[in-house]
Structures are given as C-alpha cells and as structure tokens.
Amino acid sequence: MLGKRNEPKRWPRGQKFTLSPEGADAEAAYRNVVAESRSSGRAALDAALAAWAGPHRVAPADGVVLSELRGKRLGVPDLVRELEAAGIAADEVRASLERLVAAGVVAPIPLASQLGN
C-alpha cells in the first residue's frame, strides 16, 4: 500500500498566525542567540541554534519563520512571499509553521467563521 507523503497541514484559506506569549519569548531568545553567535563563525551559530531549538521542540531553521511573525499577523502566502527571498521554499515554510504551531510558540488566529458570528 502506498502512503501519502508526509505533507504539512493545509490551513483554511485566510488563516493568519501570530506569536503566542511563549513564542514572543522564544523569538527574543532566537534573536539573542543569533546576535551573540554572529561573530563566532558558522559552526558556533549552528550549535547555538540547535541548543535554542531543542527546548522549544522546533528545528533550528524555524527561528527565521518565528522572527518573521514578530509583531505581525501573517498567513501562509504572506510568509512564503516574505521568506522566498531568503531561499526558503514554500514547503519548508509550511512545515516550519506546522512545527511552530505544534510547539505552541505560534498560534492560529481564529477566523470569523470560527467565532460563531
């Protein structure tokens, strides 16, 4: 039997995301790790990002998506458009977003249809 490829979750059209309170803390820690490791070389940065990601239950590269959401409410197409200039593929953005939501550091903003209005 052929199984489906492990594809990222498909979110409803118009779904926007923002940082949770825990996400704001995680994003600040991510920025701090990047700033402190900037002059130490790539190996030190990679090690610091791995150390940051572990306790948050995300991948080291997820910090880029987390930072993009700082102070914003963005949907998947917005995130993809913002991050494609950094060479991050749409599937990678979606997978990262799924991990960030599962970890509780990014929250989907309820759609109007979900509010019962």
N, C-alpha and C. Protein backbone atom coordinates (compact mmCIF):
# COMPACT_ATOMS: atom_id res chain seq x y z
N MET A 1 0.83 -1.18 0.00
CA MET A 1 0.00 0.00 0.00
C MET A 1 0.88 1.25 0.00
N LEU A 2 0.58 2.16 -0.87
CA LEU A 2 1.34 3.40 -0.95
C LEU A 2 0.76 4.42 0.01
N GLY A 3 1.60 4.98 0.87
CA GLY A 3 1.14 6.01 1.81
C GLY A 3 1.34 7.39 1.22
N LYS A 4 0.58 8.34 1.76
CA LYS A 4 0.77 9.72 1.34
C LYS A 4 2.09 10.24 1.87
N ARG A 5 2.70 11.09 1.08
CA ARG A 5 3.92 11.75 1.53
C ARG A 5 3.59 12.57 2.78
N ASN A 6 4.50 12.69 3.67
CA ASN A 6 4.28 13.43 4.90
C ASN A 6 4.22 14.93 4.58
N GLU A 7 3.06 15.40 4.19
CA GLU A 7 2.91 16.79 3.78
C GLU A 7 2.47 17.65 4.95
N PRO A 8 2.89 18.92 4.97
CA PRO A 8 2.44 19.82 6.02
C PRO A 8 0.92 20.00 6.00
N LYS A 9 0.39 20.34 7.14
CA LYS A 9 -1.05 20.58 7.28
C LYS A 9 -1.50 21.67 6.31
N ARG A 10 -2.70 21.50 5.79
CA ARG A 10 -3.30 22.54 4.95
C ARG A 10 -4.21 23.37 5.84
N TRP A 11 -3.94 24.64 5.91
CA TRP A 11 -4.72 25.55 6.75
C TRP A 11 -5.87 26.14 5.94
N PRO A 12 -6.95 26.55 6.61
CA PRO A 12 -8.06 27.18 5.88
C PRO A 12 -7.59 28.44 5.17
N ARG A 13 -8.24 28.73 4.05
CA ARG A 13 -7.93 29.95 3.31
C ARG A 13 -8.13 31.16 4.23
N GLY A 14 -7.20 32.05 4.20
CA GLY A 14 -7.29 33.27 5.02
C GLY A 14 -6.78 33.11 6.44
N GLN A 15 -6.32 31.91 6.80
CA GLN A 15 -5.82 31.69 8.16
C GLN A 15 -4.58 32.53 8.39
N LYS A 16 -4.57 33.26 9.48
CA LYS A 16 -3.41 34.08 9.86
C LYS A 16 -2.82 33.51 11.14
N PHE A 17 -1.56 33.84 11.37
CA PHE A 17 -0.83 33.33 12.52
C PHE A 17 -0.12 34.48 13.21
N THR A 18 0.13 34.29 14.50
CA THR A 18 0.87 35.27 15.29
C THR A 18 1.65 34.52 16.36
N LEU A 19 2.56 35.22 17.01
CA LEU A 19 3.31 34.60 18.10
C LEU A 19 2.41 34.47 19.33
N SER A 20 2.53 33.36 20.02
CA SER A 20 1.90 33.20 21.32
C SER A 20 2.80 33.92 22.33
N PRO A 21 2.35 34.09 23.58
CA PRO A 21 3.26 34.68 24.58
C PRO A 21 4.57 33.88 24.70
N GLU A 22 4.47 32.56 24.66
CA GLU A 22 5.67 31.72 24.70
C GLU A 22 6.51 31.94 23.44
N GLY A 23 5.83 32.17 22.33
CA GLY A 23 6.51 32.42 21.07
C GLY A 23 7.29 33.72 21.08
N ALA A 24 6.73 34.73 21.74
CA ALA A 24 7.44 36.01 21.85
C ALA A 24 8.74 35.81 22.62
N ASP A 25 8.68 35.01 23.69
CA ASP A 25 9.89 34.72 24.46
C ASP A 25 10.89 33.91 23.63
N ALA A 26 10.38 32.91 22.90
CA ALA A 26 11.24 32.08 22.06
C ALA A 26 11.89 32.90 20.96
N GLU A 27 11.13 33.82 20.38
CA GLU A 27 11.66 34.66 19.30
C GLU A 27 12.74 35.59 19.83
N ALA A 28 12.53 36.16 21.02
CA ALA A 28 13.54 37.03 21.63
C ALA A 28 14.82 36.23 21.92
N ALA A 29 14.65 35.00 22.40
CA ALA A 29 15.81 34.15 22.65
C ALA A 29 16.53 33.81 21.35
N TYR A 30 15.77 33.58 20.28
CA TYR A 30 16.36 33.29 18.97
C TYR A 30 17.20 34.48 18.49
N ARG A 31 16.64 35.69 18.57
CA ARG A 31 17.39 36.88 18.15
C ARG A 31 18.66 37.03 18.97
N ASN A 32 18.58 36.75 20.27
CA ASN A 32 19.73 36.85 21.15
C ASN A 32 20.82 35.85 20.75
N VAL A 33 20.41 34.62 20.47
CA VAL A 33 21.36 33.57 20.05
C VAL A 33 22.06 33.98 18.76
N VAL A 34 21.30 34.48 17.80
CA VAL A 34 21.88 34.89 16.52
C VAL A 34 22.86 36.04 16.74
N ALA A 35 22.46 37.03 17.53
CA ALA A 35 23.33 38.19 17.77
C ALA A 35 24.62 37.79 18.48
N GLU A 36 24.51 36.92 19.48
CA GLU A 36 25.69 36.51 20.24
C GLU A 36 26.63 35.62 19.42
N SER A 37 26.08 34.87 18.48
CA SER A 37 26.89 33.92 17.71
C SER A 37 27.40 34.48 16.39
N ARG A 38 26.95 35.65 16.05
CA ARG A 38 27.26 36.23 14.73
C ARG A 38 28.75 36.29 14.44
N SER A 39 29.55 36.67 15.41
CA SER A 39 30.99 36.84 15.16
C SER A 39 31.80 35.57 15.44
N SER A 40 31.12 34.49 15.82
CA SER A 40 31.84 33.27 16.21
C SER A 40 31.97 32.24 15.11
N GLY A 41 31.41 32.50 13.94
CA GLY A 41 31.51 31.55 12.84
C GLY A 41 30.28 30.67 12.71
N ARG A 42 30.20 30.01 11.57
CA ARG A 42 29.02 29.21 11.23
C ARG A 42 28.81 28.03 12.17
N ALA A 43 29.88 27.34 12.53
CA ALA A 43 29.75 26.17 13.41
C ALA A 43 29.18 26.57 14.76
N ALA A 44 29.64 27.69 15.30
CA ALA A 44 29.13 28.17 16.59
C ALA A 44 27.67 28.57 16.47
N LEU A 45 27.31 29.22 15.37
CA LEU A 45 25.92 29.61 15.15
C LEU A 45 25.03 28.38 15.05
N ASP A 46 25.45 27.39 14.27
CA ASP A 46 24.67 26.16 14.12
C ASP A 46 24.46 25.47 15.47
N ALA A 47 25.52 25.40 16.28
CA ALA A 47 25.42 24.77 17.60
C ALA A 47 24.48 25.56 18.51
N ALA A 48 24.58 26.88 18.47
CA ALA A 48 23.73 27.72 19.31
C ALA A 48 22.26 27.61 18.88
N LEU A 49 22.01 27.56 17.57
CA LEU A 49 20.63 27.42 17.09
C LEU A 49 20.05 26.05 17.46
N ALA A 50 20.87 25.01 17.40
CA ALA A 50 20.41 23.69 17.81
C ALA A 50 20.07 23.68 19.30
N ALA A 51 20.90 24.35 20.10
CA ALA A 51 20.63 24.44 21.54
C ALA A 51 19.36 25.25 21.81
N TRP A 52 19.12 26.28 21.02
CA TRP A 52 17.89 27.07 21.16
C TRP A 52 16.66 26.25 20.77
N ALA A 53 16.75 25.50 19.69
CA ALA A 53 15.60 24.78 19.15
C ALA A 53 15.14 23.64 20.04
N GLY A 54 16.06 22.93 20.66
CA GLY A 54 15.72 21.75 21.45
C GLY A 54 14.63 21.96 22.48
N PRO A 55 14.81 22.90 23.40
CA PRO A 55 13.79 23.10 24.44
C PRO A 55 12.44 23.58 23.89
N HIS A 56 12.46 24.19 22.72
CA HIS A 56 11.22 24.70 22.12
C HIS A 56 10.53 23.65 21.24
N ARG A 57 11.20 22.50 21.04
CA ARG A 57 10.66 21.40 20.23
C ARG A 57 10.41 21.81 18.78
N VAL A 58 11.36 22.56 18.24
CA VAL A 58 11.29 23.00 16.85
C VAL A 58 12.64 22.72 16.19
N ALA A 59 12.74 22.98 14.90
CA ALA A 59 14.00 22.84 14.17
C ALA A 59 14.78 24.16 14.25
N PRO A 60 16.10 24.11 14.20
CA PRO A 60 16.88 25.34 14.26
C PRO A 60 16.47 26.39 13.22
N ALA A 61 16.13 25.95 12.02
CA ALA A 61 15.75 26.89 10.96
C ALA A 61 14.38 27.53 11.18
N ASP A 62 13.59 27.00 12.12
CA ASP A 62 12.26 27.55 12.37
C ASP A 62 12.31 28.95 12.97
N GLY A 63 13.45 29.32 13.52
CA GLY A 63 13.58 30.65 14.09
C GLY A 63 13.37 31.76 13.08
N VAL A 64 13.71 31.50 11.83
CA VAL A 64 13.51 32.51 10.78
C VAL A 64 12.03 32.80 10.60
N VAL A 65 11.21 31.74 10.56
CA VAL A 65 9.76 31.92 10.42
C VAL A 65 9.20 32.58 11.67
N LEU A 66 9.67 32.16 12.82
CA LEU A 66 9.24 32.75 14.09
C LEU A 66 9.52 34.25 14.09
N SER A 67 10.70 34.64 13.66
CA SER A 67 11.07 36.06 13.62
C SER A 67 10.22 36.85 12.64
N GLU A 68 9.85 36.22 11.55
CA GLU A 68 9.02 36.90 10.55
C GLU A 68 7.65 37.25 11.12
N LEU A 69 7.18 36.49 12.09
CA LEU A 69 5.87 36.73 12.69
C LEU A 69 5.91 37.75 13.84
N ARG A 70 7.09 38.17 14.22
CA ARG A 70 7.23 39.11 15.33
C ARG A 70 6.43 40.39 15.05
N GLY A 71 5.44 40.64 15.89
CA GLY A 71 4.63 41.85 15.78
C GLY A 71 3.69 41.86 14.59
N LYS A 72 3.47 40.71 13.96
CA LYS A 72 2.64 40.66 12.75
C LYS A 72 1.60 39.56 12.86
N ARG A 73 0.61 39.65 11.99
CA ARG A 73 -0.39 38.59 11.78
C ARG A 73 -0.33 38.26 10.30
N LEU A 74 0.28 37.13 9.99
CA LEU A 74 0.51 36.77 8.59
C LEU A 74 -0.10 35.41 8.27
N GLY A 75 -0.51 35.26 7.02
CA GLY A 75 -0.98 33.98 6.52
C GLY A 75 0.16 33.25 5.83
N VAL A 76 -0.12 32.01 5.44
CA VAL A 76 0.90 31.20 4.77
C VAL A 76 1.42 31.88 3.51
N PRO A 77 0.54 32.41 2.62
CA PRO A 77 1.07 33.07 1.41
C PRO A 77 1.97 34.26 1.74
N ASP A 78 1.61 35.00 2.80
CA ASP A 78 2.44 36.15 3.21
C ASP A 78 3.82 35.68 3.66
N LEU A 79 3.84 34.63 4.48
CA LEU A 79 5.11 34.10 4.97
C LEU A 79 5.97 33.57 3.83
N VAL A 80 5.34 32.84 2.91
CA VAL A 80 6.07 32.30 1.76
C VAL A 80 6.68 33.44 0.95
N ARG A 81 5.90 34.47 0.68
CA ARG A 81 6.38 35.61 -0.11
C ARG A 81 7.53 36.31 0.60
N GLU A 82 7.41 36.51 1.91
CA GLU A 82 8.45 37.20 2.68
C GLU A 82 9.76 36.40 2.74
N LEU A 83 9.64 35.08 2.80
CA LEU A 83 10.82 34.25 3.03
C LEU A 83 11.45 33.67 1.77
N GLU A 84 10.77 33.78 0.63
CA GLU A 84 11.36 33.22 -0.59
C GLU A 84 12.64 33.95 -0.97
N ALA A 85 12.76 35.23 -0.62
CA ALA A 85 13.98 35.98 -0.92
C ALA A 85 15.18 35.42 -0.14
N ALA A 86 14.90 34.77 0.99
CA ALA A 86 15.96 34.15 1.79
C ALA A 86 16.26 32.73 1.32
N GLY A 87 15.59 32.31 0.25
CA GLY A 87 15.83 30.98 -0.30
C GLY A 87 15.09 29.86 0.42
N ILE A 88 14.06 30.21 1.16
CA ILE A 88 13.27 29.20 1.87
C ILE A 88 12.07 28.83 1.02
N ALA A 89 11.98 27.56 0.66
CA ALA A 89 10.92 27.06 -0.22
C ALA A 89 9.58 27.06 0.52
N ALA A 90 8.51 27.15 -0.25
CA ALA A 90 7.16 27.19 0.31
C ALA A 90 6.88 25.98 1.19
N ASP A 91 7.28 24.79 0.77
CA ASP A 91 7.05 23.58 1.58
C ASP A 91 7.80 23.65 2.91
N GLU A 92 8.98 24.24 2.90
CA GLU A 92 9.75 24.40 4.13
C GLU A 92 9.05 25.36 5.08
N VAL A 93 8.49 26.45 4.54
CA VAL A 93 7.75 27.42 5.36
C VAL A 93 6.55 26.73 5.99
N ARG A 94 5.80 25.97 5.21
CA ARG A 94 4.61 25.27 5.73
C ARG A 94 4.99 24.25 6.81
N ALA A 95 6.05 23.50 6.58
CA ALA A 95 6.49 22.51 7.57
C ALA A 95 6.95 23.19 8.85
N SER A 96 7.67 24.29 8.71
CA SER A 96 8.12 25.05 9.86
C SER A 96 6.94 25.59 10.65
N LEU A 97 5.97 26.14 9.95
CA LEU A 97 4.78 26.68 10.60
C LEU A 97 4.05 25.59 11.37
N GLU A 98 3.95 24.42 10.79
CA GLU A 98 3.29 23.30 11.48
C GLU A 98 4.03 22.94 12.78
N ARG A 99 5.36 22.90 12.72
CA ARG A 99 6.15 22.60 13.94
C ARG A 99 5.97 23.69 14.98
N LEU A 100 5.97 24.95 14.55
CA LEU A 100 5.85 26.07 15.48
C LEU A 100 4.48 26.08 16.16
N VAL A 101 3.43 25.77 15.41
CA VAL A 101 2.08 25.69 16.00
C VAL A 101 2.02 24.52 16.97
N ALA A 102 2.54 23.37 16.57
CA ALA A 102 2.53 22.18 17.44
C ALA A 102 3.29 22.44 18.74
N ALA A 103 4.34 23.24 18.68
CA ALA A 103 5.14 23.56 19.86
C ALA A 103 4.49 24.64 20.72
N GLY A 104 3.45 25.28 20.22
CA GLY A 104 2.75 26.30 20.99
C GLY A 104 3.39 27.66 20.96
N VAL A 105 4.35 27.89 20.08
CA VAL A 105 5.00 29.20 20.01
C VAL A 105 4.39 30.10 18.95
N VAL A 106 3.60 29.52 18.07
CA VAL A 106 2.82 30.27 17.08
C VAL A 106 1.38 29.82 17.23
N ALA A 107 0.47 30.79 17.15
CA ALA A 107 -0.95 30.49 17.31
C ALA A 107 -1.72 30.91 16.08
N PRO A 108 -2.62 30.03 15.59
CA PRO A 108 -3.52 30.45 14.52
C PRO A 108 -4.55 31.43 15.09
N ILE A 109 -4.80 32.49 14.38
CA ILE A 109 -5.81 33.47 14.80
C ILE A 109 -7.16 32.94 14.33
N PRO A 110 -8.14 32.84 15.24
CA PRO A 110 -9.45 32.31 14.83
C PRO A 110 -10.05 33.12 13.67
N LEU A 111 -10.57 32.38 12.70
CA LEU A 111 -11.26 33.01 11.57
C LEU A 111 -12.63 33.47 12.03
N ALA A 112 -13.20 34.45 11.35
CA ALA A 112 -14.53 34.94 11.69
C ALA A 112 -15.54 33.80 11.70
N SER A 113 -15.41 32.87 10.76
CA SER A 113 -16.34 31.73 10.69
C SER A 113 -16.20 30.79 11.88
N GLN A 114 -15.07 30.85 12.57
CA GLN A 114 -14.85 30.01 13.74
C GLN A 114 -15.36 30.65 15.03
N LEU A 115 -15.68 31.94 14.95
CA LEU A 115 -16.12 32.67 16.13
C LEU A 115 -17.63 32.57 16.34
N GLY A 116 -18.34 32.01 15.38
CA GLY A 116 -19.77 31.82 15.52
C GLY A 116 -20.59 33.07 15.27
N ASN A 117 -20.04 34.03 14.55
CA ASN A 117 -20.79 35.27 14.26
C ASN A 117 -21.74 35.07 13.14
